[in-house]
Structures are given as C-alpha cells and as structure tokens.
Protein backbone atom coordinates (compact mmCIF):
# COMPACT_ATOMS: atom_id res chain seq x y z
CA MET A 1 18.74 24.21 -19.17
CA ILE A 2 19.82 23.78 -15.56
CA ARG A 3 19.87 26.84 -13.31
CA ALA A 4 19.65 27.81 -9.66
CA GLY A 5 16.15 27.56 -8.25
CA GLU A 6 14.46 30.63 -6.83
CA LYS A 7 11.38 31.60 -4.84
CA ARG A 8 9.64 32.48 -8.10
CA ASP A 9 9.77 28.76 -8.97
CA LEU A 10 7.60 27.79 -5.99
CA ALA A 11 4.41 26.94 -7.90
CA ALA A 12 6.29 24.98 -10.57
CA LEU A 13 8.31 23.08 -7.97
CA ALA A 14 5.11 22.23 -6.12
CA GLU A 15 3.62 20.87 -9.35
CA VAL A 16 6.69 18.69 -9.96
CA LEU A 17 6.64 17.33 -6.41
CA HIS A 18 2.89 16.71 -6.54
CA ALA A 19 3.11 14.88 -9.86
CA CYS A 20 6.05 12.75 -8.71
CA VAL A 21 4.32 11.65 -5.50
CA HIS A 22 1.17 10.80 -7.46
CA ASP A 23 3.36 8.76 -9.82
CA GLY A 24 4.73 6.72 -6.90
CA ALA A 25 7.95 8.51 -5.98
CA SER A 26 9.13 7.77 -2.46
CA VAL A 27 10.24 11.23 -1.40
CA GLY A 28 8.71 11.49 2.06
CA PHE A 29 5.03 12.01 1.21
CA ILE A 30 2.06 9.66 0.94
CA LEU A 31 -1.36 9.89 -0.65
CA PRO A 32 -3.58 11.74 -0.36
CA PHE A 33 -1.22 14.58 -1.22
CA ALA A 34 -2.52 17.95 -2.40
CA VAL A 35 -0.68 20.62 -4.37
CA GLY A 36 -1.10 22.91 -1.36
CA GLU A 37 0.91 20.46 0.76
CA ALA A 38 3.63 20.45 -1.87
CA GLU A 39 3.68 24.26 -1.87
CA ALA A 40 3.87 24.32 1.92
CA TRP A 41 6.84 21.96 1.89
CA TRP A 42 8.68 24.07 -0.69
CA ARG A 43 7.91 27.20 1.35
CA SER A 44 9.65 25.53 4.30
CA VAL A 45 12.71 24.79 2.14
CA MET A 46 13.14 28.27 0.65
CA PRO A 47 14.50 29.96 3.83
CA GLU A 48 17.19 27.26 4.10
CA LEU A 49 18.61 28.03 0.65
CA ALA A 50 21.98 29.74 0.75
CA PRO A 51 25.05 29.38 -1.46
CA GLY A 52 27.41 26.81 -0.03
CA ARG A 53 24.83 25.58 2.49
CA ARG A 54 21.75 24.24 0.70
CA GLU A 55 21.40 24.86 -3.00
CA LEU A 56 18.49 24.20 -5.31
CA PHE A 57 18.84 23.41 -8.99
CA VAL A 58 16.01 23.27 -11.51
CA ALA A 59 15.82 21.82 -15.00
CA GLU A 60 13.76 23.73 -17.53
CA ALA A 61 12.48 22.24 -20.77
CA ALA A 62 9.66 23.30 -23.05
CA GLY A 63 9.52 26.62 -21.21
CA ALA A 64 8.73 25.14 -17.79
CA VAL A 65 10.40 23.71 -14.71
CA GLN A 66 10.48 19.95 -15.24
CA GLY A 67 12.88 18.77 -12.53
CA THR A 68 14.89 19.65 -9.47
CA VAL A 69 17.57 18.47 -7.06
CA GLN A 70 19.18 19.90 -3.94
CA LEU A 71 22.74 19.89 -2.60
CA ALA A 72 23.07 20.23 1.16
CA THR A 73 26.54 20.62 2.61
CA ALA A 74 27.30 19.00 5.95
CA ALA A 75 27.41 21.53 8.76
CA MET A 76 29.45 19.61 11.33
CA PRO A 77 33.13 20.50 11.73
CA ASN A 78 34.28 16.93 11.09
CA GLN A 79 32.48 16.77 7.73
CA PRO A 80 33.77 19.66 5.61
CA HIS A 81 34.31 17.23 2.73
CA ARG A 82 30.75 15.84 2.55
CA ALA A 83 27.39 16.87 1.06
CA ASP A 84 23.96 15.30 0.65
CA VAL A 85 21.99 14.86 -2.57
CA MET A 86 18.33 15.57 -1.80
CA LYS A 87 15.01 15.28 -3.60
CA LEU A 88 15.96 14.51 -7.19
CA LEU A 89 12.61 14.92 -8.94
CA VAL A 90 11.66 14.91 -12.61
CA HIS A 91 8.05 15.46 -13.64
CA PRO A 92 6.63 12.19 -15.07
CA ARG A 93 5.85 13.91 -18.39
CA ALA A 94 9.54 14.86 -18.80
CA ARG A 95 11.24 11.60 -17.91
CA ARG A 96 13.64 9.68 -20.17
CA GLN A 97 15.03 12.93 -21.61
CA GLY A 98 18.25 13.06 -19.57
CA LEU A 99 17.08 15.73 -17.13
CA ALA A 100 17.87 13.72 -13.98
CA ARG A 101 21.38 12.97 -15.26
CA ALA A 102 21.90 16.63 -16.21
CA LEU A 103 20.73 17.77 -12.78
CA MET A 104 23.10 15.34 -11.08
CA GLU A 105 26.03 16.44 -13.24
CA VAL A 106 25.44 20.11 -12.34
CA LEU A 107 25.05 19.20 -8.66
CA GLU A 108 28.32 17.22 -8.71
CA ALA A 109 30.16 20.07 -10.42
CA ARG A 110 28.91 22.48 -7.75
CA ALA A 111 29.93 20.08 -4.98
CA ARG A 112 33.44 19.92 -6.46
CA ALA A 113 33.58 23.72 -6.67
CA LEU A 114 32.73 23.82 -2.96
CA GLY A 115 35.57 21.42 -2.21
CA ARG A 116 33.28 18.51 -1.39
CA THR A 117 34.75 15.08 -2.13
CA LEU A 118 31.99 12.80 -0.88
CA LEU A 119 28.30 12.81 -1.83
CA VAL A 120 25.69 10.69 -0.06
CA LEU A 121 22.05 9.96 -0.81
CA ASP A 122 19.30 7.48 -0.14
CA THR A 123 16.69 6.02 -2.45
CA ARG A 124 13.94 3.46 -2.11
CA SER A 125 15.67 0.24 -3.05
CA SER A 126 13.22 -0.64 -5.82
CA ASP A 127 13.16 2.81 -7.45
CA PRO A 128 14.52 3.25 -11.00
CA SER A 129 16.58 6.16 -9.64
CA ARG A 130 18.91 3.60 -8.08
CA LEU A 131 19.96 2.51 -11.58
CA LEU A 132 20.64 6.13 -12.52
CA TYR A 133 22.79 6.66 -9.44
CA GLU A 134 24.74 3.46 -10.12
CA SER A 135 25.32 4.57 -13.74
CA LEU A 136 26.74 7.83 -12.37
CA GLY A 137 29.23 5.96 -10.19
CA TYR A 138 27.41 5.86 -6.87
CA ALA A 139 28.14 2.78 -4.76
CA VAL A 140 25.81 1.05 -2.32
CA ALA A 141 26.76 1.57 1.32
CA GLY A 142 23.89 -0.51 2.69
CA GLU A 143 20.17 -1.08 2.89
CA ILE A 144 17.70 -0.53 5.72
CA PRO A 145 14.60 -2.74 5.56
CA PHE A 146 11.14 -1.33 6.31
CA TYR A 147 12.50 2.23 6.07
CA CYS A 148 9.85 4.09 4.06
CA ARG A 149 6.16 3.77 3.50
CA ASN A 150 4.92 3.22 -0.03
CA PRO A 151 3.01 6.36 -1.13
CA PHE A 152 -0.02 4.28 -2.17
CA ALA A 153 -0.39 1.71 0.62
CA GLU A 154 0.64 0.94 4.16
CA VAL A 155 3.55 -1.18 3.00
CA TYR A 156 7.04 -0.48 4.30
CA GLU A 157 9.93 -0.83 1.89
CA PRO A 158 13.73 -0.85 2.12
CA THR A 159 15.90 2.15 1.39
CA THR A 160 19.41 1.97 -0.06
CA TYR A 161 22.11 4.38 1.06
CA MET A 162 24.64 5.27 -1.63
CA TYR A 163 27.78 7.37 -1.90
CA LYS A 164 30.19 8.71 -4.48
CA ARG A 165 33.72 9.95 -4.04
CA LEU A 166 34.36 12.94 -6.25
CA ALA A 167 37.72 13.34 -7.98
C-alpha cells in the first residue's frame, strides 16, 4: 500500500534511510551513519512537507514502512510545469517486490494531478535505480563525473541526471 507519509512515520523512515545507506545507497550520506542522524535528517524534512509543494509517499508491506519517495514542485515562476523526484528508498529487506515502481507510479500520478509535465531526478550512474528509471521512461540528460562520494570510501563517482515528460 502506498500512502502519504506523516510525522508519525519518522522512526520507520529513519530506519529505511539508515538501512539503505548501510547497503551502499548514494543518497547524500556516508559511513559512519547512525540512526540518530537519519532521524535528524527526516526531522528537517517534515516542516517542508505541504500538499503541492513537497510531498512524501511511503510504501507499507508486512505491516511496516518499507520504502519512500518525495515529490518537490519547482517554486520559480518560470517552472510551473516541473517537479523533482527525491530520495527514492526501499529497505534492502523489501527489494525486488515492486515497491520502488509502485512508489514512482503514485508519485507520477500526483505530479500529473498537480499539472506537472516534466519530472527530473539524479542517480549515481552505477546504481541499479538507473535501470528502474529507464524502464519507467526516464531519459538521460547527462552525467557529471566525480559528483558524489561513495558511502563506503573516499571515491568520487559520476551522477546521471534524468528526466521524463508526463503525458
């Protein structure tokens, strides 16, 4: 089940983020990374959540939050058609069950409902998520070398920027 995320999900969201970073996800954090740091980051996100501005979606399975994604609409007057896909995360124990795809489908439907016709995102070029995005119709806009640090080592890797035009 996909639903809107809420403040009550804070601990579960922190656990998902913590597990993903420890599994090698390139989502802005590096090791060592404590659950408390994940909670602090989510606490900083919660005040930004507002319908039509920045929306949080969570995927529940087996009675627990297993994944999340955010939709952030562009605030500048010349970008009323655009939104950003942010922090698609699925707990390692819940992968390969279609949760990431389901989260993206709900996010895209919401973007359409808001009148958004262009979605943009970035992903570490070597991440499996890139294949998911391509299978959903996202196109590569370009790649920036040495963009993000690997969570495990001081190695800098490229990031791919992608976009999708919504019908």
